[in-house]
PDB file of N, CA and C in Angstrom:
ATOM      1  N   MET A   1       0.843  -1.182   0.002  1.00  0.00           N
ATOM      2  CA  MET A   1       0.000   0.000  -0.002  1.00  0.00           C
ATOM      3  C   MET A   1       0.889   1.244   0.000  1.00  0.00           C
ATOM      4  N   THR A   2       0.677   2.130  -0.947  1.00  0.00           N
ATOM      5  CA  THR A   2       1.462   3.363  -1.007  1.00  0.00           C
ATOM      6  C   THR A   2       0.774   4.431  -0.167  1.00  0.00           C
ATOM      7  N   GLU A   3       1.610   5.250   0.448  1.00  0.00           N
ATOM      8  CA  GLU A   3       1.082   6.313   1.289  1.00  0.00           C
ATOM      9  C   GLU A   3       0.700   7.502   0.434  1.00  0.00           C
ATOM     10  N   LYS A   4      -0.494   8.011   0.647  1.00  0.00           N
ATOM     11  CA  LYS A   4      -0.997   9.152  -0.101  1.00  0.00           C
ATOM     12  C   LYS A   4      -0.393  10.430   0.469  1.00  0.00           C
ATOM     13  N   LYS A   5       0.004  11.335  -0.422  1.00  0.00           N
ATOM     14  CA  LYS A   5       0.569  12.612   0.018  1.00  0.00           C
ATOM     15  C   LYS A   5      -0.540  13.466   0.626  1.00  0.00           C
ATOM     16  N   PRO A   6      -0.202  14.249   1.666  1.00  0.00           N
ATOM     17  CA  PRO A   6      -1.192  15.174   2.215  1.00  0.00           C
ATOM     18  C   PRO A   6      -1.582  16.217   1.167  1.00  0.00           C
ATOM     19  N   LYS A   7      -2.833  16.647   1.197  1.00  0.00           N
ATOM     20  CA  LYS A   7      -3.343  17.614   0.214  1.00  0.00           C
ATOM     21  C   LYS A   7      -2.540  18.912   0.172  1.00  0.00           C
ATOM     22  N   PRO A   8      -2.089  19.453   1.316  1.00  0.00           N
ATOM     23  CA  PRO A   8      -1.288  20.686   1.227  1.00  0.00           C
ATOM     24  C   PRO A   8       0.013  20.492   0.430  1.00  0.00           C
ATOM     25  N   ILE A   9       0.606  19.308   0.521  1.00  0.00           N
ATOM     26  CA  ILE A   9       1.825  19.021  -0.245  1.00  0.00           C
ATOM     27  C   ILE A   9       1.495  18.946  -1.730  1.00  0.00           C
ATOM     28  N   ILE A  10       0.407  18.266  -2.063  1.00  0.00           N
ATOM     29  CA  ILE A  10      -0.025  18.171  -3.463  1.00  0.00           C
ATOM     30  C   ILE A  10      -0.283  19.570  -4.021  1.00  0.00           C
ATOM     31  N   PHE A  11      -0.935  20.419  -3.228  1.00  0.00           N
ATOM     32  CA  PHE A  11      -1.218  21.787  -3.655  1.00  0.00           C
ATOM     33  C   PHE A  11       0.075  22.571  -3.872  1.00  0.00           C
ATOM     34  N   ALA A  12       0.997  22.485  -2.916  1.00  0.00           N
ATOM     35  CA  ALA A  12       2.269  23.223  -3.037  1.00  0.00           C
ATOM     36  C   ALA A  12       3.053  22.759  -4.259  1.00  0.00           C
ATOM     37  N   GLU A  13       3.072  21.448  -4.503  1.00  0.00           N
ATOM     38  CA  GLU A  13       3.768  20.921  -5.685  1.00  0.00           C
ATOM     39  C   GLU A  13       3.098  21.389  -6.964  1.00  0.00           C
ATOM     40  N   ALA A  14       1.767  21.491  -6.961  1.00  0.00           N
ATOM     41  CA  ALA A  14       1.047  21.948  -8.154  1.00  0.00           C
ATOM     42  C   ALA A  14       1.379  23.404  -8.460  1.00  0.00           C
ATOM     43  N   LEU A  15       1.593  24.198  -7.425  1.00  0.00           N
ATOM     44  CA  LEU A  15       1.995  25.589  -7.636  1.00  0.00           C
ATOM     45  C   LEU A  15       3.376  25.641  -8.282  1.00  0.00           C
ATOM     46  N   ASP A  16       4.319  24.966  -7.627  1.00  0.00           N
ATOM     47  CA  ASP A  16       5.707  25.001  -8.089  1.00  0.00           C
ATOM     48  C   ASP A  16       6.509  24.126  -7.127  1.00  0.00           C
ATOM     49  N   GLU A  17       7.372  23.303  -7.635  1.00  0.00           N
ATOM     50  CA  GLU A  17       8.195  22.453  -6.773  1.00  0.00           C
ATOM     51  C   GLU A  17       9.024  23.292  -5.813  1.00  0.00           C
ATOM     52  N   GLY A  18       9.403  24.489  -6.248  1.00  0.00           N
ATOM     53  CA  GLY A  18      10.161  25.385  -5.379  1.00  0.00           C
ATOM     54  C   GLY A  18       9.370  25.808  -4.149  1.00  0.00           C
ATOM     55  N   VAL A  19       8.062  25.995  -4.324  1.00  0.00           N
ATOM     56  CA  VAL A  19       7.194  26.355  -3.199  1.00  0.00           C
ATOM     57  C   VAL A  19       7.192  25.221  -2.176  1.00  0.00           C
ATOM     58  N   ASN A  20       6.997  24.000  -2.654  1.00  0.00           N
ATOM     59  CA  ASN A  20       6.988  22.848  -1.766  1.00  0.00           C
ATOM     60  C   ASN A  20       8.336  22.693  -1.075  1.00  0.00           C
ATOM     61  N   SER A  21       9.400  22.857  -1.808  1.00  0.00           N
ATOM     62  CA  SER A  21      10.749  22.732  -1.254  1.00  0.00           C
ATOM     63  C   SER A  21      11.001  23.797  -0.180  1.00  0.00           C
ATOM     64  N   ALA A  22      10.573  25.022  -0.457  1.00  0.00           N
ATOM     65  CA  ALA A  22      10.762  26.109   0.509  1.00  0.00           C
ATOM     66  C   ALA A  22       9.956  25.849   1.779  1.00  0.00           C
ATOM     67  N   PHE A  23       8.722  25.375   1.626  1.00  0.00           N
ATOM     68  CA  PHE A  23       7.881  25.077   2.783  1.00  0.00           C
ATOM     69  C   PHE A  23       8.500  23.964   3.618  1.00  0.00           C
ATOM     70  N   ALA A  24       8.970  22.908   2.945  1.00  0.00           N
ATOM     71  CA  ALA A  24       9.600  21.789   3.651  1.00  0.00           C
ATOM     72  C   ALA A  24      10.851  22.241   4.386  1.00  0.00           C
ATOM     73  N   SER A  25      11.622  23.098   3.753  1.00  0.00           N
ATOM     74  CA  SER A  25      12.846  23.611   4.365  1.00  0.00           C
ATOM     75  C   SER A  25      12.520  24.436   5.612  1.00  0.00           C
ATOM     76  N   LEU A  26      11.517  25.301   5.512  1.00  0.00           N
ATOM     77  CA  LEU A  26      11.101  26.103   6.657  1.00  0.00           C
ATOM     78  C   LEU A  26      10.598  25.205   7.784  1.00  0.00           C
ATOM     79  N   ARG A  27       9.754  24.236   7.438  1.00  0.00           N
ATOM     80  CA  ARG A  27       9.221  23.296   8.432  1.00  0.00           C
ATOM     81  C   ARG A  27      10.362  22.574   9.152  1.00  0.00           C
ATOM     82  N   ASN A  28      11.346  22.091   8.389  1.00  0.00           N
ATOM     83  CA  ASN A  28      12.466  21.366   8.992  1.00  0.00           C
ATOM     84  C   ASN A  28      13.276  22.255   9.929  1.00  0.00           C
ATOM     85  N   GLU A  29      13.482  23.499   9.562  1.00  0.00           N
ATOM     86  CA  GLU A  29      14.228  24.438  10.414  1.00  0.00           C
ATOM     87  C   GLU A  29      13.485  24.706  11.712  1.00  0.00           C
ATOM     88  N   ILE A  30      12.186  24.941  11.607  1.00  0.00           N
ATOM     89  CA  ILE A  30      11.395  25.260  12.795  1.00  0.00           C
ATOM     90  C   ILE A  30      11.264  24.049  13.713  1.00  0.00           C
ATOM     91  N   MET A  31      11.103  22.861  13.147  1.00  0.00           N
ATOM     92  CA  MET A  31      10.814  21.670  13.939  1.00  0.00           C
ATOM     93  C   MET A  31      12.044  20.959  14.499  1.00  0.00           C
ATOM     94  N   LYS A  32      13.250  21.412  14.129  1.00  0.00           N
ATOM     95  CA  LYS A  32      14.444  20.754  14.664  1.00  0.00           C
ATOM     96  C   LYS A  32      14.636  21.122  16.138  1.00  0.00           C
ATOM     97  N   ASP A  33      15.453  20.334  16.829  1.00  0.00           N
ATOM     98  CA  ASP A  33      15.742  20.617  18.233  1.00  0.00           C
ATOM     99  C   ASP A  33      16.288  22.023  18.402  1.00  0.00           C
ATOM    100  N   GLY A  34      15.804  22.689  19.401  1.00  0.00           N
ATOM    101  CA  GLY A  34      16.261  24.037  19.745  1.00  0.00           C
ATOM    102  C   GLY A  34      15.985  24.235  21.226  1.00  0.00           C
ATOM    103  N   ALA A  35      15.432  25.376  21.601  1.00  0.00           N
ATOM    104  CA  ALA A  35      15.040  25.592  23.001  1.00  0.00           C
ATOM    105  C   ALA A  35      14.002  24.546  23.403  1.00  0.00           C
ATOM    106  N   LEU A  36      13.169  24.148  22.446  1.00  0.00           N
ATOM    107  CA  LEU A  36      12.241  23.027  22.632  1.00  0.00           C
ATOM    108  C   LEU A  36      12.772  21.835  21.853  1.00  0.00           C
ATOM    109  N   SER A  37      12.611  20.650  22.402  1.00  0.00           N
ATOM    110  CA  SER A  37      13.018  19.445  21.675  1.00  0.00           C
ATOM    111  C   SER A  37      12.073  19.220  20.506  1.00  0.00           C
ATOM    112  N   SER A  38      12.519  18.436  19.538  1.00  0.00           N
ATOM    113  CA  SER A  38      11.634  18.133  18.404  1.00  0.00           C
ATOM    114  C   SER A  38      10.402  17.363  18.882  1.00  0.00           C
ATOM    115  N   LYS A  39      10.537  16.581  19.947  1.00  0.00           N
ATOM    116  CA  LYS A  39       9.377  15.873  20.513  1.00  0.00           C
ATOM    117  C   LYS A  39       8.377  16.879  21.077  1.00  0.00           C
ATOM    118  N   ASP A  40       8.876  17.858  21.842  1.00  0.00           N
ATOM    119  CA  ASP A  40       7.981  18.878  22.389  1.00  0.00           C
ATOM    120  C   ASP A  40       7.301  19.663  21.271  1.00  0.00           C
ATOM    121  N   LYS A  41       8.059  19.961  20.219  1.00  0.00           N
ATOM    122  CA  LYS A  41       7.489  20.691  19.080  1.00  0.00           C
ATOM    123  C   LYS A  41       6.409  19.871  18.381  1.00  0.00           C
ATOM    124  N   ALA A  42       6.603  18.561  18.326  1.00  0.00           N
ATOM    125  CA  ALA A  42       5.596  17.683  17.724  1.00  0.00           C
ATOM    126  C   ALA A  42       4.305  17.716  18.539  1.00  0.00           C
ATOM    127  N   ILE A  43       4.440  17.761  19.862  1.00  0.00           N
ATOM    128  CA  ILE A  43       3.269  17.844  20.742  1.00  0.00           C
ATOM    129  C   ILE A  43       2.544  19.180  20.530  1.00  0.00           C
ATOM    130  N   VAL A  44       3.303  20.268  20.464  1.00  0.00           N
ATOM    131  CA  VAL A  44       2.710  21.588  20.226  1.00  0.00           C
ATOM    132  C   VAL A  44       2.001  21.616  18.872  1.00  0.00           C
ATOM    133  N   GLY A  45       2.655  21.060  17.849  1.00  0.00           N
ATOM    134  CA  GLY A  45       2.067  21.025  16.511  1.00  0.00           C
ATOM    135  C   GLY A  45       0.732  20.293  16.493  1.00  0.00           C
ATOM    136  N   LEU A  46       0.673  19.177  17.208  1.00  0.00           N
ATOM    137  CA  LEU A  46      -0.569  18.410  17.272  1.00  0.00           C
ATOM    138  C   LEU A  46      -1.661  19.207  17.982  1.00  0.00           C
ATOM    139  N   ALA A  47      -1.321  19.845  19.084  1.00  0.00           N
ATOM    140  CA  ALA A  47      -2.305  20.651  19.817  1.00  0.00           C
ATOM    141  C   ALA A  47      -2.831  21.786  18.935  1.00  0.00           C
ATOM    142  N   CYS A  48      -1.930  22.434  18.207  1.00  0.00           N
ATOM    143  CA  CYS A  48      -2.336  23.530  17.313  1.00  0.00           C
ATOM    144  C   CYS A  48      -3.245  23.019  16.197  1.00  0.00           C
ATOM    145  N   ALA A  49      -2.918  21.850  15.649  1.00  0.00           N
ATOM    146  CA  ALA A  49      -3.728  21.278  14.570  1.00  0.00           C
ATOM    147  C   ALA A  49      -5.150  21.019  15.038  1.00  0.00           C
ATOM    148  N   VAL A  50      -5.277  20.533  16.282  1.00  0.00           N
ATOM    149  CA  VAL A  50      -6.613  20.313  16.847  1.00  0.00           C
ATOM    150  C   VAL A  50      -7.321  21.655  17.038  1.00  0.00           C
ATOM    151  N   ALA A  51      -6.592  22.653  17.561  1.00  0.00           N
ATOM    152  CA  ALA A  51      -7.193  23.965  17.831  1.00  0.00           C
ATOM    153  C   ALA A  51      -7.743  24.621  16.573  1.00  0.00           C
ATOM    154  N   ILE A  52      -7.065  24.432  15.441  1.00  0.00           N
ATOM    155  CA  ILE A  52      -7.547  25.061  14.199  1.00  0.00           C
ATOM    156  C   ILE A  52      -8.517  24.172  13.428  1.00  0.00           C
ATOM    157  N   ARG A  53      -8.790  22.993  13.970  1.00  0.00           N
ATOM    158  CA  ARG A  53      -9.751  22.043  13.389  1.00  0.00           C
ATOM    159  C   ARG A  53      -9.415  21.649  11.954  1.00  0.00           C
ATOM    160  N   CYS A  54      -8.166  21.283  11.742  1.00  0.00           N
ATOM    161  CA  CYS A  54      -7.707  20.859  10.414  1.00  0.00           C
ATOM    162  C   CYS A  54      -7.422  19.357  10.460  1.00  0.00           C
ATOM    163  N   ASP A  55      -8.327  18.559   9.902  1.00  0.00           N
ATOM    164  CA  ASP A  55      -8.171  17.102   9.939  1.00  0.00           C
ATOM    165  C   ASP A  55      -6.882  16.636   9.274  1.00  0.00           C
ATOM    166  N   THR A  56      -6.563  17.226   8.128  1.00  0.00           N
ATOM    167  CA  THR A  56      -5.331  16.864   7.428  1.00  0.00           C
ATOM    168  C   THR A  56      -4.130  17.181   8.308  1.00  0.00           C
ATOM    169  N   CYS A  57      -4.177  18.330   8.982  1.00  0.00           N
ATOM    170  CA  CYS A  57      -3.079  18.736   9.865  1.00  0.00           C
ATOM    171  C   CYS A  57      -2.954  17.784  11.051  1.00  0.00           C
ATOM    172  N   VAL A  58      -4.082  17.384  11.631  1.00  0.00           N
ATOM    173  CA  VAL A  58      -4.058  16.452  12.759  1.00  0.00           C
ATOM    174  C   VAL A  58      -3.427  15.137  12.325  1.00  0.00           C
ATOM    175  N   GLU A  59      -3.830  14.615  11.170  1.00  0.00           N
ATOM    176  CA  GLU A  59      -3.244  13.359  10.667  1.00  0.00           C
ATOM    177  C   GLU A  59      -1.732  13.499  10.494  1.00  0.00           C
ATOM    178  N   PHE A  60      -1.299  14.599   9.885  1.00  0.00           N
ATOM    179  CA  PHE A  60       0.125  14.823   9.658  1.00  0.00           C
ATOM    180  C   PHE A  60       0.880  14.928  10.983  1.00  0.00           C
ATOM    181  N   HIS A  61       0.379  15.764  11.892  1.00  0.00           N
ATOM    182  CA  HIS A  61       1.090  15.992  13.148  1.00  0.00           C
ATOM    183  C   HIS A  61       1.024  14.781  14.075  1.00  0.00           C
ATOM    184  N   LYS A  62      -0.005  13.971  13.951  1.00  0.00           N
ATOM    185  CA  LYS A  62      -0.072  12.709  14.692  1.00  0.00           C
ATOM    186  C   LYS A  62       1.048  11.779  14.229  1.00  0.00           C
ATOM    187  N   LYS A  63       1.245  11.723  12.929  1.00  0.00           N
ATOM    188  CA  LYS A  63       2.314  10.903  12.357  1.00  0.00           C
ATOM    189  C   LYS A  63       3.690  11.408  12.813  1.00  0.00           C
ATOM    190  N   VAL A  64       3.877  12.722  12.759  1.00  0.00           N
ATOM    191  CA  VAL A  64       5.146  13.327  13.211  1.00  0.00           C
ATOM    192  C   VAL A  64       5.366  13.033  14.692  1.00  0.00           C
ATOM    193  N   ALA A  65       4.304  13.164  15.489  1.00  0.00           N
ATOM    194  CA  ALA A  65       4.409  12.912  16.930  1.00  0.00           C
ATOM    195  C   ALA A  65       4.798  11.465  17.209  1.00  0.00           C
ATOM    196  N   LYS A  66       4.177  10.523  16.504  1.00  0.00           N
ATOM    197  CA  LYS A  66       4.536   9.113  16.680  1.00  0.00           C
ATOM    198  C   LYS A  66       6.004   8.888  16.365  1.00  0.00           C
ATOM    199  N   MET A  67       6.478   9.482  15.266  1.00  0.00           N
ATOM    200  CA  MET A  67       7.883   9.318  14.870  1.00  0.00           C
ATOM    201  C   MET A  67       8.825   9.960  15.898  1.00  0.00           C
ATOM    202  N   ALA A  68       8.351  10.977  16.621  1.00  0.00           N
ATOM    203  CA  ALA A  68       9.172  11.658  17.624  1.00  0.00           C
ATOM    204  C   ALA A  68       9.110  10.953  18.983  1.00  0.00           C
ATOM    205  N   GLY A  69       8.335   9.879  19.061  1.00  0.00           N
ATOM    206  CA  GLY A  69       8.255   9.120  20.314  1.00  0.00           C
ATOM    207  C   GLY A  69       7.200   9.613  21.288  1.00  0.00           C
ATOM    208  N   VAL A  70       6.243  10.381  20.793  1.00  0.00           N
ATOM    209  CA  VAL A  70       5.165  10.879  21.648  1.00  0.00           C
ATOM    210  C   VAL A  70       4.187   9.730  21.915  1.00  0.00           C
ATOM    211  N   SER A  71       3.861   9.525  23.182  1.00  0.00           N
ATOM    212  CA  SER A  71       2.953   8.437  23.543  1.00  0.00           C
ATOM    213  C   SER A  71       1.508   8.813  23.219  1.00  0.00           C
ATOM    214  N   LYS A  72       0.659   7.807  23.161  1.00  0.00           N
ATOM    215  CA  LYS A  72      -0.780   8.010  22.922  1.00  0.00           C
ATOM    216  C   LYS A  72      -1.357   8.927  23.998  1.00  0.00           C
ATOM    217  N   GLU A  73      -0.937   8.708  25.252  1.00  0.00           N
ATOM    218  CA  GLU A  73      -1.433   9.519  26.365  1.00  0.00           C
ATOM    219  C   GLU A  73      -1.013  10.981  26.206  1.00  0.00           C
ATOM    220  N   GLU A  74       0.236  11.215  25.769  1.00  0.00           N
ATOM    221  CA  GLU A  74       0.701  12.582  25.530  1.00  0.00           C
ATOM    222  C   GLU A  74      -0.087  13.234  24.399  1.00  0.00           C
ATOM    223  N   MET A  75      -0.363  12.451  23.359  1.00  0.00           N
ATOM    224  CA  MET A  75      -1.157  12.981  22.237  1.00  0.00           C
ATOM    225  C   MET A  75      -2.563  13.355  22.684  1.00  0.00           C
ATOM    226  N   LEU A  76      -3.166  12.508  23.508  1.00  0.00           N
ATOM    227  CA  LEU A  76      -4.518  12.793  23.993  1.00  0.00           C
ATOM    228  C   LEU A  76      -4.546  14.071  24.825  1.00  0.00           C
ATOM    229  N   GLU A  77      -3.544  14.248  25.705  1.00  0.00           N
ATOM    230  CA  GLU A  77      -3.499  15.474  26.514  1.00  0.00           C
ATOM    231  C   GLU A  77      -3.269  16.700  25.641  1.00  0.00           C
ATOM    232  N   ALA A  78      -2.389  16.574  24.652  1.00  0.00           N
ATOM    233  CA  ALA A  78      -2.138  17.691  23.733  1.00  0.00           C
ATOM    234  C   ALA A  78      -3.412  18.051  22.973  1.00  0.00           C
ATOM    235  N   ALA A  79      -4.144  17.032  22.519  1.00  0.00           N
ATOM    236  CA  ALA A  79      -5.390  17.266  21.790  1.00  0.00           C
ATOM    237  C   ALA A  79      -6.425  17.934  22.697  1.00  0.00           C
ATOM    238  N   ALA A  80      -6.462  17.538  23.956  1.00  0.00           N
ATOM    239  CA  ALA A  80      -7.395  18.160  24.902  1.00  0.00           C
ATOM    240  C   ALA A  80      -7.056  19.637  25.095  1.00  0.00           C
ATOM    241  N   ILE A  81      -5.774  19.964  25.162  1.00  0.00           N
ATOM    242  CA  ILE A  81      -5.350  21.361  25.281  1.00  0.00           C
ATOM    243  C   ILE A  81      -5.777  22.137  24.036  1.00  0.00           C
ATOM    244  N   GLY A  82      -5.552  21.544  22.863  1.00  0.00           N
ATOM    245  CA  GLY A  82      -5.970  22.194  21.617  1.00  0.00           C
ATOM    246  C   GLY A  82      -7.462  22.449  21.585  1.00  0.00           C
ATOM    247  N   GLY A  83      -8.241  21.472  22.040  1.00  0.00           N
ATOM    248  CA  GLY A  83      -9.695  21.639  22.093  1.00  0.00           C
ATOM    249  C   GLY A  83     -10.100  22.728  23.081  1.00  0.00           C
ATOM    250  N   LEU A  84      -9.396  22.788  24.208  1.00  0.00           N
ATOM    251  CA  LEU A  84      -9.679  23.819  25.201  1.00  0.00           C
ATOM    252  C   LEU A  84      -9.378  25.213  24.658  1.00  0.00           C
ATOM    253  N   VAL A  85      -8.264  25.346  23.944  1.00  0.00           N
ATOM    254  CA  VAL A  85      -7.918  26.626  23.318  1.00  0.00           C
ATOM    255  C   VAL A  85      -9.016  27.031  22.339  1.00  0.00           C
ATOM    256  N   ARG A  86      -9.483  26.067  21.549  1.00  0.00           N
ATOM    257  CA  ARG A  86     -10.547  26.345  20.578  1.00  0.00           C
ATOM    258  C   ARG A  86     -11.817  26.813  21.292  1.00  0.00           C
ATOM    259  N   LEU A  87     -12.169  26.126  22.368  1.00  0.00           N
ATOM    260  CA  LEU A  87     -13.355  26.503  23.136  1.00  0.00           C
ATOM    261  C   LEU A  87     -13.197  27.909  23.697  1.00  0.00           C
ATOM    262  N   GLY A  88     -12.041  28.199  24.266  1.00  0.00           N
ATOM    263  CA  GLY A  88     -11.791  29.517  24.830  1.00  0.00           C
ATOM    264  C   GLY A  88     -11.864  30.616  23.794  1.00  0.00           C
ATOM    265  N   SER A  89     -11.335  30.337  22.607  1.00  0.00           N
ATOM    266  CA  SER A  89     -11.397  31.347  21.550  1.00  0.00           C
ATOM    267  C   SER A  89     -12.837  31.560  21.086  1.00  0.00           C
ATOM    268  N   GLY A  90     -13.628  30.506  21.126  1.00  0.00           N
ATOM    269  CA  GLY A  90     -15.050  30.640  20.795  1.00  0.00           C
ATOM    270  C   GLY A  90     -15.764  31.529  21.800  1.00  0.00           C
ATOM    271  N   PHE A  91     -15.446  31.350  23.079  1.00  0.00           N
ATOM    272  CA  PHE A  91     -16.033  32.205  24.117  1.00  0.00           C
ATOM    273  C   PHE A  91     -15.581  33.645  23.930  1.00  0.00           C
ATOM    274  N   ALA A  92     -14.314  33.844  23.589  1.00  0.00           N
ATOM    275  CA  ALA A  92     -13.801  35.203  23.380  1.00  0.00           C
ATOM    276  C   ALA A  92     -14.539  35.886  22.236  1.00  0.00           C
ATOM    277  N   THR A  93     -14.750  35.145  21.147  1.00  0.00           N
ATOM    278  CA  THR A  93     -15.482  35.696  20.007  1.00  0.00           C
ATOM    279  C   THR A  93     -16.939  35.964  20.387  1.00  0.00           C
ATOM    280  N   ALA A  94     -17.547  35.028  21.093  1.00  0.00           N
ATOM    281  CA  ALA A  94     -18.947  35.175  21.497  1.00  0.00           C
ATOM    282  C   ALA A  94     -19.138  36.363  22.434  1.00  0.00           C
ATOM    283  N   SER A  95     -18.111  36.699  23.207  1.00  0.00           N
ATOM    284  CA  SER A  95     -18.231  37.802  24.165  1.00  0.00           C
ATOM    285  C   SER A  95     -18.428  39.158  23.487  1.00  0.00           C
ATOM    286  N   ILE A  96     -18.160  39.231  22.187  1.00  0.00           N
ATOM    287  CA  ILE A  96     -18.390  40.472  21.431  1.00  0.00           C
ATOM    288  C   ILE A  96     -19.861  40.877  21.526  1.00  0.00           C
ATOM    289  N   ILE A  97     -20.732  39.901  21.658  1.00  0.00           N
ATOM    290  CA  ILE A  97     -22.168  40.159  21.786  1.00  0.00           C
ATOM    291  C   ILE A  97     -22.448  41.053  22.991  1.00  0.00           C
ATOM    292  N   LEU A  98     -21.619  40.967  24.015  1.00  0.00           N
ATOM    293  CA  LEU A  98     -21.829  41.744  25.238  1.00  0.00           C
ATOM    294  C   LEU A  98     -21.378  43.192  25.118  1.00  0.00           C
ATOM    295  N   ASP A  99     -20.626  43.508  24.051  1.00  0.00           N
ATOM    296  CA  ASP A  99     -20.144  44.877  23.856  1.00  0.00           C
ATOM    297  C   ASP A  99     -21.302  45.808  23.517  1.00  0.00           C
ATOM    298  N   ASP A 100     -21.241  47.013  24.053  1.00  0.00           N
ATOM    299  CA  ASP A 100     -22.287  48.011  23.751  1.00  0.00           C
ATOM    300  C   ASP A 100     -21.895  48.865  22.587  1.00  0.00           C
TER     301      ASP A 100
END
């Protein structure tokens, strides 16, 4: 079974291979070990993917997290944080109704 490319990669390649290459290069630079480990960055990426409600992003970041050694329990907690952020942002947006 061949692995299907994520839609954002297919889109970037359709624009121009240089676009895809530049995006991959930027992603690799940001996700490498630094002040945060690549494992910690994978956890943050997964939480963010959940917060923005991007299924393709969640699938991608779940795969990255697994490769970085993130446990199922860590992924679940990260996803819960992402969901909480999403809920909080919804409340923040809804609070505009209270403005005079």
